[in-house]
N, C-alpha and C. Protein backbone atom coordinates (compact mmCIF):
# COMPACT_ATOMS: atom_id res chain seq x y z
N MET A 1 12.62 -86.63 -66.95
CA MET A 1 13.58 -87.55 -66.42
C MET A 1 14.67 -86.75 -65.68
N ALA A 2 14.97 -87.15 -64.42
CA ALA A 2 15.96 -86.45 -63.59
C ALA A 2 17.37 -86.86 -63.99
N ALA A 3 18.29 -85.91 -63.81
CA ALA A 3 19.69 -86.20 -64.14
C ALA A 3 20.27 -87.14 -63.09
N LYS A 4 21.03 -88.09 -63.56
CA LYS A 4 21.65 -89.05 -62.64
C LYS A 4 22.96 -88.48 -62.11
N PRO A 5 23.25 -88.75 -60.80
CA PRO A 5 24.55 -88.29 -60.29
C PRO A 5 25.67 -89.09 -60.93
N PRO A 6 26.86 -88.50 -60.99
CA PRO A 6 27.97 -89.23 -61.62
C PRO A 6 28.30 -90.49 -60.82
N LYS A 7 28.71 -91.52 -61.54
CA LYS A 7 29.03 -92.79 -60.89
C LYS A 7 30.35 -92.67 -60.14
N ARG A 8 30.37 -93.32 -59.00
CA ARG A 8 31.61 -93.41 -58.23
C ARG A 8 32.10 -94.84 -58.33
N GLY A 9 32.95 -95.06 -59.19
CA GLY A 9 33.39 -96.43 -59.38
C GLY A 9 34.90 -96.54 -59.32
N GLY A 10 35.33 -97.72 -59.04
CA GLY A 10 36.75 -97.99 -59.03
C GLY A 10 37.43 -97.58 -57.74
N ALA A 11 38.65 -97.94 -57.64
CA ALA A 11 39.42 -97.63 -56.44
C ALA A 11 39.87 -96.17 -56.49
N PRO A 12 40.05 -95.57 -55.30
CA PRO A 12 40.53 -94.19 -55.30
C PRO A 12 41.95 -94.11 -55.84
N LYS A 13 42.24 -92.97 -56.43
CA LYS A 13 43.58 -92.79 -56.97
C LYS A 13 44.59 -92.70 -55.84
N VAL A 14 45.67 -93.36 -56.02
CA VAL A 14 46.75 -93.32 -55.04
C VAL A 14 47.88 -92.51 -55.64
N LEU A 15 48.20 -91.44 -54.94
CA LEU A 15 49.28 -90.59 -55.43
C LEU A 15 50.62 -91.22 -55.07
N PRO A 16 51.59 -91.09 -55.93
CA PRO A 16 52.90 -91.66 -55.60
C PRO A 16 53.54 -90.91 -54.44
N ARG A 17 54.18 -91.65 -53.57
CA ARG A 17 54.86 -91.04 -52.42
C ARG A 17 56.14 -90.37 -52.89
N ALA A 18 56.38 -89.24 -52.31
CA ALA A 18 57.62 -88.54 -52.62
C ALA A 18 58.76 -89.28 -51.93
N ALA A 19 59.84 -89.36 -52.59
CA ALA A 19 60.99 -90.03 -52.00
C ALA A 19 61.51 -89.21 -50.82
N ALA A 20 61.80 -89.89 -49.73
CA ALA A 20 62.31 -89.21 -48.55
C ALA A 20 63.71 -88.69 -48.86
N PRO A 21 63.97 -87.45 -48.44
CA PRO A 21 65.31 -86.91 -48.72
C PRO A 21 66.36 -87.64 -47.88
N LYS A 22 67.46 -87.84 -48.48
CA LYS A 22 68.57 -88.49 -47.77
C LYS A 22 69.23 -87.45 -46.87
N THR A 23 69.14 -87.66 -45.55
CA THR A 23 69.68 -86.67 -44.62
C THR A 23 70.87 -87.22 -43.85
N LYS A 24 71.56 -88.14 -44.43
CA LYS A 24 72.71 -88.71 -43.74
C LYS A 24 73.84 -87.71 -43.82
N ARG A 25 74.12 -87.10 -42.64
CA ARG A 25 75.19 -86.11 -42.59
C ARG A 25 76.45 -86.76 -42.04
N LYS A 26 77.53 -86.26 -42.50
CA LYS A 26 78.80 -86.73 -41.94
C LYS A 26 79.11 -85.90 -40.71
N THR A 27 79.38 -86.57 -39.62
CA THR A 27 79.75 -85.87 -38.40
C THR A 27 81.24 -85.96 -38.21
N PRO A 28 81.80 -84.94 -37.56
CA PRO A 28 83.24 -85.01 -37.30
C PRO A 28 83.57 -86.24 -36.46
N PHE A 29 84.79 -86.70 -36.57
CA PHE A 29 85.18 -87.93 -35.86
C PHE A 29 85.08 -87.79 -34.35
N TRP A 30 85.19 -86.57 -33.82
CA TRP A 30 85.16 -86.36 -32.38
C TRP A 30 83.76 -86.17 -31.84
N GLN A 31 82.76 -86.06 -32.71
CA GLN A 31 81.40 -85.77 -32.28
C GLN A 31 80.52 -86.99 -32.51
N PRO A 32 79.97 -87.56 -31.42
CA PRO A 32 79.11 -88.72 -31.59
C PRO A 32 77.82 -88.36 -32.34
N ARG A 33 77.26 -89.32 -33.00
CA ARG A 33 76.05 -89.12 -33.80
C ARG A 33 74.88 -88.69 -32.92
N TRP A 34 74.82 -89.19 -31.69
CA TRP A 34 73.67 -88.89 -30.83
C TRP A 34 73.60 -87.40 -30.48
N ILE A 35 74.71 -86.70 -30.50
CA ILE A 35 74.68 -85.25 -30.25
C ILE A 35 73.96 -84.55 -31.39
N MET A 36 74.25 -84.95 -32.62
CA MET A 36 73.56 -84.37 -33.76
C MET A 36 72.07 -84.71 -33.75
N ASP A 37 71.73 -85.91 -33.27
CA ASP A 37 70.32 -86.29 -33.15
C ASP A 37 69.60 -85.40 -32.15
N ILE A 38 70.26 -85.10 -31.05
CA ILE A 38 69.66 -84.23 -30.03
C ILE A 38 69.43 -82.83 -30.61
N VAL A 39 70.42 -82.31 -31.30
CA VAL A 39 70.30 -80.98 -31.89
C VAL A 39 69.16 -80.96 -32.91
N THR A 40 69.06 -82.00 -33.72
CA THR A 40 67.99 -82.08 -34.71
C THR A 40 66.63 -82.10 -34.05
N GLU A 41 66.47 -82.88 -32.99
CA GLU A 41 65.18 -82.96 -32.30
C GLU A 41 64.85 -81.64 -31.61
N LEU A 42 65.84 -80.96 -31.05
CA LEU A 42 65.58 -79.69 -30.39
C LEU A 42 65.15 -78.61 -31.38
N ARG A 43 65.57 -78.72 -32.62
CA ARG A 43 65.12 -77.76 -33.64
C ARG A 43 63.66 -77.97 -34.00
N LYS A 44 63.12 -79.15 -33.74
CA LYS A 44 61.72 -79.44 -34.04
C LYS A 44 60.78 -78.98 -32.93
N VAL A 45 61.31 -78.68 -31.76
CA VAL A 45 60.48 -78.32 -30.60
C VAL A 45 59.82 -76.97 -30.82
N VAL A 46 58.56 -76.87 -30.45
CA VAL A 46 57.85 -75.60 -30.48
C VAL A 46 57.93 -75.04 -29.06
N TRP A 47 58.79 -74.06 -28.86
CA TRP A 47 59.02 -73.51 -27.54
C TRP A 47 57.89 -72.55 -27.17
N PRO A 48 57.51 -72.50 -25.86
CA PRO A 48 56.45 -71.57 -25.45
C PRO A 48 56.94 -70.13 -25.55
N THR A 49 55.98 -69.22 -25.70
CA THR A 49 56.34 -67.80 -25.75
C THR A 49 56.68 -67.33 -24.34
N ARG A 50 57.25 -66.15 -24.27
CA ARG A 50 57.60 -65.58 -22.96
C ARG A 50 56.35 -65.38 -22.12
N GLN A 51 55.27 -64.93 -22.74
CA GLN A 51 54.02 -64.70 -22.03
C GLN A 51 53.47 -66.03 -21.47
N ASP A 52 53.51 -67.10 -22.24
CA ASP A 52 53.06 -68.40 -21.75
C ASP A 52 53.91 -68.87 -20.57
N THR A 53 55.21 -68.68 -20.68
CA THR A 53 56.12 -69.11 -19.62
C THR A 53 55.84 -68.36 -18.33
N VAL A 54 55.66 -67.05 -18.41
CA VAL A 54 55.38 -66.25 -17.21
C VAL A 54 54.04 -66.66 -16.60
N ARG A 55 53.02 -66.83 -17.44
CA ARG A 55 51.69 -67.19 -16.94
C ARG A 55 51.71 -68.55 -16.25
N LEU A 56 52.35 -69.53 -16.84
CA LEU A 56 52.41 -70.86 -16.24
C LEU A 56 53.26 -70.87 -14.98
N THR A 57 54.31 -70.06 -14.93
CA THR A 57 55.12 -69.96 -13.72
C THR A 57 54.31 -69.38 -12.58
N VAL A 58 53.51 -68.35 -12.85
CA VAL A 58 52.65 -67.76 -11.82
C VAL A 58 51.65 -68.80 -11.31
N VAL A 59 51.08 -69.59 -12.21
CA VAL A 59 50.13 -70.63 -11.80
C VAL A 59 50.81 -71.64 -10.89
N VAL A 60 52.02 -72.07 -11.24
CA VAL A 60 52.74 -73.05 -10.42
C VAL A 60 53.05 -72.47 -9.04
N VAL A 61 53.48 -71.21 -8.97
CA VAL A 61 53.80 -70.59 -7.69
C VAL A 61 52.55 -70.49 -6.82
N ILE A 62 51.42 -70.10 -7.40
CA ILE A 62 50.18 -69.98 -6.63
C ILE A 62 49.73 -71.34 -6.11
N ILE A 63 49.72 -72.34 -6.96
CA ILE A 63 49.29 -73.68 -6.54
C ILE A 63 50.24 -74.23 -5.48
N SER A 64 51.53 -74.00 -5.63
CA SER A 64 52.49 -74.47 -4.62
C SER A 64 52.24 -73.78 -3.29
N GLY A 65 51.94 -72.49 -3.31
CA GLY A 65 51.64 -71.77 -2.07
C GLY A 65 50.39 -72.30 -1.39
N VAL A 66 49.34 -72.58 -2.18
CA VAL A 66 48.10 -73.10 -1.61
C VAL A 66 48.33 -74.48 -1.00
N ILE A 67 49.02 -75.35 -1.70
CA ILE A 67 49.28 -76.69 -1.18
C ILE A 67 50.19 -76.61 0.04
N GLY A 68 51.20 -75.73 0.01
CA GLY A 68 52.08 -75.56 1.16
C GLY A 68 51.33 -75.06 2.38
N ALA A 69 50.42 -74.09 2.18
CA ALA A 69 49.62 -73.59 3.30
C ALA A 69 48.71 -74.68 3.86
N ALA A 70 48.11 -75.48 2.98
CA ALA A 70 47.24 -76.57 3.44
C ALA A 70 48.03 -77.60 4.24
N LEU A 71 49.19 -78.00 3.74
CA LEU A 71 50.01 -78.98 4.48
C LEU A 71 50.52 -78.39 5.80
N GLY A 72 50.86 -77.09 5.81
CA GLY A 72 51.29 -76.44 7.05
C GLY A 72 50.17 -76.42 8.07
N GLY A 73 48.94 -76.14 7.61
CA GLY A 73 47.78 -76.16 8.52
C GLY A 73 47.53 -77.55 9.08
N ILE A 74 47.64 -78.55 8.26
CA ILE A 74 47.47 -79.93 8.74
C ILE A 74 48.55 -80.27 9.75
N ASP A 75 49.78 -79.86 9.49
CA ASP A 75 50.89 -80.11 10.41
C ASP A 75 50.65 -79.42 11.75
N LEU A 76 50.19 -78.17 11.73
CA LEU A 76 49.90 -77.46 12.98
C LEU A 76 48.75 -78.14 13.73
N GLY A 77 47.76 -78.63 13.01
CA GLY A 77 46.65 -79.34 13.64
C GLY A 77 47.12 -80.61 14.33
N PHE A 78 47.95 -81.39 13.66
CA PHE A 78 48.47 -82.61 14.29
C PHE A 78 49.37 -82.28 15.48
N ALA A 79 50.16 -81.22 15.38
CA ALA A 79 51.01 -80.82 16.50
C ALA A 79 50.16 -80.42 17.70
N TRP A 80 49.07 -79.70 17.46
CA TRP A 80 48.18 -79.31 18.56
C TRP A 80 47.55 -80.54 19.20
N ILE A 81 47.10 -81.49 18.37
CA ILE A 81 46.48 -82.72 18.90
C ILE A 81 47.49 -83.48 19.74
N VAL A 82 48.73 -83.62 19.28
CA VAL A 82 49.75 -84.34 20.04
C VAL A 82 50.03 -83.63 21.35
N GLU A 83 50.15 -82.33 21.34
CA GLU A 83 50.47 -81.58 22.58
C GLU A 83 49.33 -81.61 23.59
N HIS A 84 48.09 -81.55 23.14
CA HIS A 84 46.96 -81.44 24.07
C HIS A 84 46.27 -82.76 24.37
N VAL A 85 46.39 -83.74 23.53
CA VAL A 85 45.70 -85.01 23.76
C VAL A 85 46.66 -86.08 24.26
N PHE A 86 47.78 -86.26 23.60
CA PHE A 86 48.68 -87.34 23.96
C PHE A 86 49.68 -86.97 25.04
N ILE A 87 50.03 -85.70 25.16
CA ILE A 87 50.97 -85.25 26.19
C ILE A 87 50.21 -84.30 27.11
N PRO A 88 49.75 -84.82 28.26
CA PRO A 88 48.97 -83.96 29.17
C PRO A 88 49.78 -82.92 29.90
C-alpha cells in the first residue's frame, strides 16, 4: 500500500498585519507640510549612478546629433528644390 500525501484542507493561515507606524511629524509653523512630503518622497528615490548618468547622457547627445543632421539634410533638400524648381 502506497503512502498517501498529506491532506491540504482548510483555509490558508492569515498572518496578522503589523500595525503601521505612526509617522505624523510636527512641522514648524513656518514650514508647510507639503515641503516635508517632498523631502520624504525624495528620500525614497533610487538615484542613478554616475556611470549610468554619463552613459545615458552620451546616448542622448548622439541621438540628438543624428536627428539634427537628418533634419538639416531635409532642410537643405527642400531649400535646393525651392531654389531650382520654384524660383527659376
